Amino acid sequence: MSNSDTYNFTVSELIEILHQYPADMPVVVSGYENGYENFYQPYVIKVKQFPENPYYDGQFQIDDNGTEVLLLAREVRHD
């Protein structure tokens, strides 16, 4: 956690995390609707691309036989 209670990561912290992964690894983000959120600790998942999906479903879906990507998953708040 960064030195701020408002944000989960600083740029330097994110750079440190990213250095742990191959430079050519794809990165995806979770999302939907509007506004912005913090994100959780990045982690690797496997996805397959479905470009025909509607925007609200996202063009990538989890698939055990898919491509490994680094996920920046948005923080989910329950308020």
Protein backbone atom coordinates (compact mmCIF):
# COMPACT_ATOMS: atom_id res chain seq x y z
CA MET A 1 0.00 0.00 0.00
CA SER A 2 1.28 3.46 -0.78
CA ASN A 3 1.89 6.23 1.71
CA SER A 4 -1.57 7.65 0.99
CA ASP A 5 -4.85 6.32 2.39
CA THR A 6 -6.71 7.45 -0.73
CA TYR A 7 -4.78 5.65 -3.47
CA ASN A 8 -3.62 2.03 -3.49
CA PHE A 9 -0.52 2.59 -5.64
CA THR A 10 1.89 5.28 -6.75
CA VAL A 11 3.62 5.27 -10.13
CA SER A 12 6.88 4.06 -8.59
CA GLU A 13 5.10 1.20 -6.80
CA LEU A 14 3.36 0.16 -10.00
CA ILE A 15 6.65 0.26 -11.93
CA GLU A 16 8.22 -2.06 -9.32
CA ILE A 17 5.33 -4.51 -9.74
CA LEU A 18 5.47 -4.37 -13.54
CA HIS A 19 9.22 -5.16 -13.54
CA GLN A 20 8.30 -8.62 -12.16
CA TYR A 21 6.56 -9.58 -15.43
CA PRO A 22 7.76 -10.01 -19.02
CA ALA A 23 7.93 -6.70 -20.88
CA ASP A 24 5.80 -8.08 -23.72
CA MET A 25 3.00 -9.47 -21.49
CA PRO A 26 -0.37 -7.94 -22.43
CA VAL A 27 -2.21 -5.90 -19.80
CA VAL A 28 -6.00 -5.70 -19.41
CA VAL A 29 -8.17 -3.71 -17.03
CA SER A 30 -11.55 -4.47 -15.54
CA GLY A 31 -14.24 -1.90 -15.82
CA TYR A 32 -17.77 -0.88 -16.63
CA GLU A 33 -19.86 2.25 -16.40
CA ASN A 34 -18.24 5.61 -15.58
CA GLY A 35 -15.85 7.09 -13.06
CA TYR A 36 -12.56 5.74 -11.82
CA GLU A 37 -11.47 3.44 -9.00
CA ASN A 38 -8.32 2.19 -7.36
CA PHE A 39 -7.13 -1.21 -8.51
CA TYR A 40 -6.10 -4.33 -6.62
CA GLN A 41 -2.64 -5.88 -6.67
CA PRO A 42 -2.10 -6.89 -10.32
CA TYR A 43 -2.17 -10.62 -11.08
CA VAL A 44 -1.99 -12.97 -14.07
CA ILE A 45 -5.05 -14.58 -15.64
CA LYS A 46 -5.70 -16.34 -18.96
CA VAL A 47 -8.16 -14.76 -21.37
CA LYS A 48 -9.51 -15.20 -24.87
CA GLN A 49 -10.54 -12.29 -27.06
CA PHE A 50 -14.14 -11.96 -28.24
CA PRO A 51 -14.12 -8.69 -30.25
CA GLU A 52 -17.79 -9.11 -31.19
CA ASN A 53 -18.91 -8.86 -27.54
CA PRO A 54 -20.93 -5.78 -26.61
CA TYR A 55 -18.92 -3.12 -24.75
CA TYR A 56 -20.53 -3.94 -21.39
CA ASP A 57 -19.30 -7.57 -21.55
CA GLY A 58 -15.71 -6.67 -22.42
CA GLN A 59 -13.81 -8.03 -25.38
CA PHE A 60 -11.77 -10.45 -23.23
CA GLN A 61 -13.19 -13.33 -21.19
CA ILE A 62 -11.46 -15.76 -18.80
CA ASP A 63 -10.37 -18.92 -20.63
CA ASP A 64 -8.02 -21.60 -19.23
CA ASN A 65 -6.62 -22.13 -22.74
CA GLY A 66 -6.23 -18.42 -23.46
CA THR A 67 -3.35 -15.97 -23.40
CA GLU A 68 -1.72 -15.00 -20.12
CA VAL A 69 -2.28 -11.32 -19.34
CA LEU A 70 -1.65 -9.08 -16.37
CA LEU A 71 -4.94 -7.89 -14.90
CA LEU A 72 -5.44 -4.52 -13.25
CA ALA A 73 -8.77 -5.25 -11.58
CA ARG A 74 -10.68 -2.27 -10.31
CA GLU A 75 -11.44 -2.13 -6.63
CA VAL A 76 -15.04 -3.06 -5.84
CA ARG A 77 -16.65 -0.97 -3.14
CA HIS A 78 -19.78 -2.02 -1.32
CA ASP A 79 -21.36 1.26 -0.29
